[in-house]
Amino acid sequence: DGLRRFLRVYKSNIVAGYRHRPAPYPGRITLLQTEERAAIPDQNPGEGWCTLALDGCDVHIVPGTHMTLMQPPAVTTLAERLRECLLNISA
C-alpha cells in the first residue's frame, strides 16, 4: 500500500512537471541551491529560475545534495541562509 501511494505521488509529480508552463515573475527571487547542483559543469547557478525573475535573482549556494539538504548538518546552514534572506527582506 505504501509503495502504491509513493508511485501515485511520483507519477502525479511527473505529470504536473510536464503540464506546468512557468510564467515571468514581476519581482526579485532568492534561490537557495545545493553545492551539488551548482557544481554541474557548464551550468549557471539559478539558470531557468533567474530568467523568470523580471527584477533579478539572488543565488545562495548551500551545502548538501537534493537528498541531504533537509538533514543535519546541511539543514542548519540552510536555515541560517534562509533566516538571513528573510531578515534582509524585512529590513
Foldseek 3Di string as FASTA:
>chain_A
DVVVVVVVVVVVVVVCVVPDDDAADAAEEEAEAEPVVCPDPPDHVPPPVQVRYPHGYHYHYFYDDPVPCCDPPRVVRVVVVVVVVVVVVVD
